[in-house]
C-alpha atoms as a PDB file:
ATOM      1  CA  UNK A   1      15.259 -11.850 167.160  1.00  0.00           C
ATOM      2  CA  UNK A   2      14.924 -12.907 170.809  1.00  0.00           C
ATOM      3  CA  UNK A   3      15.334 -16.622 171.527  1.00  0.00           C
ATOM      4  CA  UNK A   4      12.703 -18.664 173.310  1.00  0.00           C
ATOM      5  CA  UNK A   5      14.256 -20.941 175.911  1.00  0.00           C
ATOM      6  CA  UNK A   6      12.711 -23.683 178.017  1.00  0.00           C
ATOM      7  CA  UNK A   7      14.726 -24.584 181.090  1.00  0.00           C
ATOM      8  CA  UNK A   8      13.939 -26.399 184.304  1.00  0.00           C
ATOM      9  CA  UNK A   9      15.310 -28.931 186.754  1.00  0.00           C
ATOM     10  CA  UNK A  10      14.586 -32.472 185.596  1.00  0.00           C
ATOM     11  CA  UNK A  11      15.073 -36.011 186.897  1.00  0.00           C
ATOM     12  CA  UNK A  12      17.254 -38.401 184.910  1.00  0.00           C
ATOM     13  CA  UNK A  13      14.098 -40.158 183.686  1.00  0.00           C
ATOM     14  CA  UNK A  14      12.755 -36.859 182.349  1.00  0.00           C
ATOM     15  CA  UNK A  15      10.286 -35.475 184.912  1.00  0.00           C
ATOM     16  CA  UNK A  16      10.071 -32.008 186.478  1.00  0.00           C
ATOM     17  CA  UNK A  17       7.998 -33.350 189.391  1.00  0.00           C
ATOM     18  CA  UNK A  18       7.450 -36.898 190.594  1.00  0.00           C
ATOM     19  CA  UNK A  19       4.174 -38.822 190.582  1.00  0.00           C
ATOM     20  CA  UNK A  20       3.278 -37.275 193.955  1.00  0.00           C
ATOM     21  CA  UNK A  21       3.820 -33.731 192.623  1.00  0.00           C
ATOM     22  CA  UNK A  22       6.991 -33.388 194.676  1.00  0.00           C
ATOM     23  CA  UNK A  23      10.304 -31.975 193.463  1.00  0.00           C
ATOM     24  CA  UNK A  24      12.261 -32.150 196.727  1.00  0.00           C
ATOM     25  CA  UNK A  25      14.940 -34.168 194.915  1.00  0.00           C
ATOM     26  CA  UNK A  26      16.105 -30.853 193.431  1.00  0.00           C
ATOM     27  CA  UNK A  27      17.179 -29.933 196.982  1.00  0.00           C
ATOM     28  CA  UNK A  28      19.221 -26.873 197.818  1.00  0.00           C
ATOM     29  CA  UNK A  29      22.644 -26.921 196.235  1.00  0.00           C
ATOM     30  CA  UNK A  30      24.537 -23.622 196.381  1.00  0.00           C
ATOM     31  CA  UNK A  31      26.491 -24.252 193.172  1.00  0.00           C
ATOM     32  CA  UNK A  32      23.346 -25.041 191.142  1.00  0.00           C
ATOM     33  CA  UNK A  33      21.485 -22.120 192.721  1.00  0.00           C
ATOM     34  CA  UNK A  34      24.340 -19.786 191.674  1.00  0.00           C
ATOM     35  CA  UNK A  35      24.016 -21.211 188.154  1.00  0.00           C
ATOM     36  CA  UNK A  36      20.297 -20.300 188.072  1.00  0.00           C
ATOM     37  CA  UNK A  37      21.182 -16.778 189.249  1.00  0.00           C
ATOM     38  CA  UNK A  38      23.567 -16.427 186.302  1.00  0.00           C
ATOM     39  CA  UNK A  39      20.962 -17.848 183.906  1.00  0.00           C
ATOM     40  CA  UNK A  40      18.224 -15.415 184.953  1.00  0.00           C
ATOM     41  CA  UNK A  41      20.510 -12.483 184.092  1.00  0.00           C
ATOM     42  CA  UNK A  42      20.036 -13.330 180.384  1.00  0.00           C
ATOM     43  CA  UNK A  43      16.233 -13.411 180.572  1.00  0.00           C
ATOM     44  CA  UNK A  44      14.217 -10.419 179.392  1.00  0.00           C
ATOM     45  CA  UNK A  45      10.754 -11.818 180.135  1.00  0.00           C
ATOM     46  CA  UNK A  46       9.541 -15.043 181.734  1.00  0.00           C
ATOM     47  CA  UNK A  47       6.408 -16.856 180.535  1.00  0.00           C
ATOM     48  CA  UNK A  48       4.796 -19.311 182.923  1.00  0.00           C
ATOM     49  CA  UNK A  49       1.663 -21.229 183.635  1.00  0.00           C
ATOM     50  CA  UNK A  50      -0.413 -21.037 186.777  1.00  0.00           C
ATOM     51  CA  UNK A  51       1.327 -23.841 188.704  1.00  0.00           C
ATOM     52  CA  UNK A  52       4.826 -22.446 188.224  1.00  0.00           C
ATOM     53  CA  UNK A  53       3.592 -18.929 188.955  1.00  0.00           C
ATOM     54  CA  UNK A  54       2.090 -20.106 192.242  1.00  0.00           C
ATOM     55  CA  UNK A  55       5.332 -21.916 193.135  1.00  0.00           C
ATOM     56  CA  UNK A  56       7.483 -18.880 192.334  1.00  0.00           C
ATOM     57  CA  UNK A  57       5.142 -16.482 194.144  1.00  0.00           C
ATOM     58  CA  UNK A  58       7.136 -17.280 197.290  1.00  0.00           C
ATOM     59  CA  UNK A  59       9.940 -15.016 196.050  1.00  0.00           C
ATOM     60  CA  UNK A  60       7.679 -11.945 195.879  1.00  0.00           C
ATOM     61  CA  UNK A  61       7.830 -11.532 199.654  1.00  0.00           C
ATOM     62  CA  UNK A  62      10.782 -13.748 200.581  1.00  0.00           C
ATOM     63  CA  UNK A  63      13.046 -10.736 201.114  1.00  0.00           C
ATOM     64  CA  UNK A  64      11.213 -10.203 204.414  1.00  0.00           C
ATOM     65  CA  UNK A  65      12.735 -13.442 205.751  1.00  0.00           C
ATOM     66  CA  UNK A  66      15.824 -12.541 207.842  1.00  0.00           C
ATOM     67  CA  UNK A  67      17.277 -16.055 207.439  1.00  0.00           C
ATOM     68  CA  UNK A  68      17.930 -15.715 203.693  1.00  0.00           C
ATOM     69  CA  UNK A  69      21.523 -15.873 202.549  1.00  0.00           C
ATOM     70  CA  UNK A  70      23.257 -13.539 200.097  1.00  0.00           C
ATOM     71  CA  UNK A  71      22.606 -15.708 197.032  1.00  0.00           C
ATOM     72  CA  UNK A  72      18.883 -15.913 197.812  1.00  0.00           C
ATOM     73  CA  UNK A  73      18.745 -12.139 198.201  1.00  0.00           C
ATOM     74  CA  UNK A  74      20.594 -11.769 194.896  1.00  0.00           C
ATOM     75  CA  UNK A  75      18.014 -14.065 193.220  1.00  0.00           C
ATOM     76  CA  UNK A  76      15.174 -11.942 194.606  1.00  0.00           C
ATOM     77  CA  UNK A  77      16.846  -8.752 193.334  1.00  0.00           C
ATOM     78  CA  UNK A  78      16.931 -10.245 189.817  1.00  0.00           C
ATOM     79  CA  UNK A  79      13.657 -12.212 189.826  1.00  0.00           C
ATOM     80  CA  UNK A  80      11.199  -9.711 191.285  1.00  0.00           C
ATOM     81  CA  UNK A  81      11.716  -6.879 188.759  1.00  0.00           C
ATOM     82  CA  UNK A  82      11.801  -9.340 185.829  1.00  0.00           C
ATOM     83  CA  UNK A  83       8.664  -8.997 183.661  1.00  0.00           C
ATOM     84  CA  UNK A  84       6.523 -12.120 183.888  1.00  0.00           C
ATOM     85  CA  UNK A  85       3.585 -13.225 181.755  1.00  0.00           C
ATOM     86  CA  UNK A  86       1.262 -15.700 183.452  1.00  0.00           C
ATOM     87  CA  UNK A  87      -1.018 -17.849 181.299  1.00  0.00           C
ATOM     88  CA  UNK A  88      -4.077 -18.991 183.220  1.00  0.00           C
ATOM     89  CA  UNK A  89      -7.802 -19.310 182.798  1.00  0.00           C
ATOM     90  CA  UNK A  90      -8.404 -19.864 186.528  1.00  0.00           C
ATOM     91  CA  UNK A  91      -6.522 -16.924 188.086  1.00  0.00           C
ATOM     92  CA  UNK A  92      -8.246 -13.561 188.287  1.00  0.00           C
ATOM     93  CA  UNK A  93      -5.171 -11.523 189.284  1.00  0.00           C
ATOM     94  CA  UNK A  94      -1.394 -11.803 189.636  1.00  0.00           C
ATOM     95  CA  UNK A  95       1.112 -10.056 191.879  1.00  0.00           C
ATOM     96  CA  UNK A  96       4.451  -8.354 191.482  1.00  0.00           C
ATOM     97  CA  UNK A  97       5.840  -7.581 188.062  1.00  0.00           C
ATOM     98  CA  UNK A  98       3.495 -10.029 186.340  1.00  0.00           C
ATOM     99  CA  UNK A  99       0.606  -9.675 183.959  1.00  0.00           C
ATOM    100  CA  UNK A 100      -2.130 -12.190 183.335  1.00  0.00           C
ATOM    101  CA  UNK A 101      -2.957 -13.587 179.897  1.00  0.00           C
ATOM    102  CA  UNK A 102      -5.803 -16.025 179.337  1.00  0.00           C
ATOM    103  CA  UNK A 103      -4.754 -17.374 175.942  1.00  0.00           C
ATOM    104  CA  UNK A 104      -2.748 -16.874 172.785  1.00  0.00           C
ATOM    105  CA  UNK A 105       0.729 -18.224 173.651  1.00  0.00           C
ATOM    106  CA  UNK A 106       1.940 -18.162 170.036  1.00  0.00           C
ATOM    107  CA  UNK A 107       0.643 -14.639 169.542  1.00  0.00           C
ATOM    108  CA  UNK A 108       2.274 -13.465 172.787  1.00  0.00           C
ATOM    109  CA  UNK A 109       5.637 -14.961 171.812  1.00  0.00           C
ATOM    110  CA  UNK A 110       5.490 -13.376 168.366  1.00  0.00           C
ATOM    111  CA  UNK A 111       4.559 -10.019 169.920  1.00  0.00           C
ATOM    112  CA  UNK A 112       7.476 -10.245 172.375  1.00  0.00           C
ATOM    113  CA  UNK A 113       9.882 -11.228 169.606  1.00  0.00           C
ATOM    114  CA  UNK A 114       8.783  -8.241 167.509  1.00  0.00           C
ATOM    115  CA  UNK A 115       9.075  -5.597 170.214  1.00  0.00           C
ATOM    116  CA  UNK A 116      12.425  -4.119 171.175  1.00  0.00           C
ATOM    117  CA  UNK A 117      13.923  -5.769 174.225  1.00  0.00           C
ATOM    118  CA  UNK A 118      16.960  -7.453 175.599  1.00  0.00           C
ATOM    119  CA  UNK A 119      17.268 -10.988 176.878  1.00  0.00           C
ATOM    120  CA  UNK A 120      15.693 -14.322 176.150  1.00  0.00           C
ATOM    121  CA  UNK A 121      12.022 -15.125 176.312  1.00  0.00           C
ATOM    122  CA  UNK A 122      12.055 -17.882 178.933  1.00  0.00           C
ATOM    123  CA  UNK A 123       9.270 -20.428 179.304  1.00  0.00           C
ATOM    124  CA  UNK A 124       8.786 -22.250 182.561  1.00  0.00           C
ATOM    125  CA  UNK A 125       6.341 -25.040 183.155  1.00  0.00           C
ATOM    126  CA  UNK A 126       5.860 -28.221 181.185  1.00  0.00           C
ATOM    127  CA  UNK A 127       2.291 -27.599 180.039  1.00  0.00           C
ATOM    128  CA  UNK A 128       3.046 -24.164 178.628  1.00  0.00           C
ATOM    129  CA  UNK A 129       6.306 -25.398 177.086  1.00  0.00           C
ATOM    130  CA  UNK A 130       4.477 -28.310 175.431  1.00  0.00           C
ATOM    131  CA  UNK A 131       2.148 -25.839 173.721  1.00  0.00           C
ATOM    132  CA  UNK A 132       5.106 -23.743 172.543  1.00  0.00           C
ATOM    133  CA  UNK A 133       6.977 -26.852 171.359  1.00  0.00           C
ATOM    134  CA  UNK A 134       3.968 -28.117 169.402  1.00  0.00           C
ATOM    135  CA  UNK A 135       3.986 -24.812 167.515  1.00  0.00           C
ATOM    136  CA  UNK A 136       7.744 -24.971 166.915  1.00  0.00           C
ATOM    137  CA  UNK A 137       8.388 -21.867 169.022  1.00  0.00           C
ATOM    138  CA  UNK A 138      11.165 -23.141 171.323  1.00  0.00           C
ATOM    139  CA  UNK A 139      14.717 -22.322 170.218  1.00  0.00           C
ATOM    140  CA  UNK A 140      16.640 -23.923 173.087  1.00  0.00           C
ATOM    141  CA  UNK A 141      16.048 -26.641 175.660  1.00  0.00           C
ATOM    142  CA  UNK A 142      18.079 -26.261 178.852  1.00  0.00           C
ATOM    143  CA  UNK A 143      17.952 -29.070 181.381  1.00  0.00           C
ATOM    144  CA  UNK A 144      19.533 -29.291 184.798  1.00  0.00           C
ATOM    145  CA  UNK A 145      19.504 -33.065 185.227  1.00  0.00           C
ATOM    146  CA  UNK A 146      19.466 -34.538 188.729  1.00  0.00           C
ATOM    147  CA  UNK A 147      20.758 -38.089 189.298  1.00  0.00           C
ATOM    148  CA  UNK A 148      17.434 -39.525 190.439  1.00  0.00           C
ATOM    149  CA  UNK A 149      14.718 -41.637 188.835  1.00  0.00           C
ATOM    150  CA  UNK A 150      11.282 -40.565 190.057  1.00  0.00           C
ATOM    151  CA  UNK A 151       9.298 -43.073 187.987  1.00  0.00           C
ATOM    152  CA  UNK A 152       6.618 -40.762 186.617  1.00  0.00           C
ATOM    153  CA  UNK A 153       5.006 -37.390 187.073  1.00  0.00           C
ATOM    154  CA  UNK A 154       5.028 -34.369 184.787  1.00  0.00           C
ATOM    155  CA  UNK A 155       7.487 -34.867 181.905  1.00  0.00           C
ATOM    156  CA  UNK A 156       9.926 -32.122 180.925  1.00  0.00           C
ATOM    157  CA  UNK A 157       9.685 -32.946 177.236  1.00  0.00           C
ATOM    158  CA  UNK A 158       6.297 -32.619 175.583  1.00  0.00           C
ATOM    159  CA  UNK A 159       4.699 -35.825 174.358  1.00  0.00           C
ATOM    160  CA  UNK A 160       3.779 -35.106 170.776  1.00  0.00           C
ATOM    161  CA  UNK A 161       4.407 -36.972 167.583  1.00  0.00           C
ATOM    162  CA  UNK A 162       6.870 -34.573 166.047  1.00  0.00           C
ATOM    163  CA  UNK A 163      10.572 -35.073 165.640  1.00  0.00           C
ATOM    164  CA  UNK A 164      12.799 -32.223 166.825  1.00  0.00           C
ATOM    165  CA  UNK A 165      16.508 -32.352 165.979  1.00  0.00           C
ATOM    166  CA  UNK A 166      18.780 -30.777 168.562  1.00  0.00           C
ATOM    167  CA  UNK A 167      22.398 -29.651 168.616  1.00  0.00           C
ATOM    168  CA  UNK A 168      24.332 -29.866 171.882  1.00  0.00           C
ATOM    169  CA  UNK A 169      25.635 -26.369 172.668  1.00  0.00           C
ATOM    170  CA  UNK A 170      26.927 -26.648 176.225  1.00  0.00           C
ATOM    171  CA  UNK A 171      27.378 -29.068 179.116  1.00  0.00           C
ATOM    172  CA  UNK A 172      28.446 -28.564 182.679  1.00  0.00           C
ATOM    173  CA  UNK A 173      28.788 -31.033 185.536  1.00  0.00           C
ATOM    174  CA  UNK A 174      28.409 -29.669 189.056  1.00  0.00           C
ATOM    175  CA  UNK A 175      30.237 -31.082 192.074  1.00  0.00           C
ATOM    176  CA  UNK A 176      26.926 -32.611 193.241  1.00  0.00           C
ATOM    177  CA  UNK A 177      26.874 -34.678 190.001  1.00  0.00           C
ATOM    178  CA  UNK A 178      23.993 -32.609 188.647  1.00  0.00           C
ATOM    179  CA  UNK A 179      24.484 -32.013 184.910  1.00  0.00           C
ATOM    180  CA  UNK A 180      23.448 -28.997 182.831  1.00  0.00           C
ATOM    181  CA  UNK A 181      22.661 -29.651 179.157  1.00  0.00           C
ATOM    182  CA  UNK A 182      21.905 -26.905 176.672  1.00  0.00           C
ATOM    183  CA  UNK A 183      20.529 -27.909 173.268  1.00  0.00           C
ATOM    184  CA  UNK A 184      19.611 -25.652 170.358  1.00  0.00           C
ATOM    185  CA  UNK A 185      16.828 -26.651 167.980  1.00  0.00           C
ATOM    186  CA  UNK A 186      18.194 -27.362 164.510  1.00  0.00           C
ATOM    187  CA  UNK A 187      16.076 -25.524 161.944  1.00  0.00           C
END
């Protein structure tokens, strides 16, 4: 059965964006960007909410920018053909290799798990991940932790009153002192 993974950049105090909605503290770091390229290779489908979809929409046409480097072009070559499922009640259409869904996250995950396919089912976006976590659908949490305290914003981990035991599977420290942590949910 395909695993459901939730992975994003996060501040040391646990936020994916600061109180001002900014995530510039995740700044460009070639080593971390290469890591994300390697990670996306193991994804079979990416589920996301409207905000993350709108942020990632940049990559749909970024290949037209002559200033992009080889790693950015490699990301585009992997990201653009990747099937994406966008959960939104406010969007009327999506672009690229995405399809729009207006509800039923648990049903969509179960459908994707049941159909033949390679790669993880990745979830991006804290709101969507919180819904999946509340239903016990996340198998792994993958954080790329930046050494910054932003003091508030959108939390990576959902705020619900349910204990989730995790097992540390992998760690990696980058030269920039950014740390990758991969935890599997203990069932």
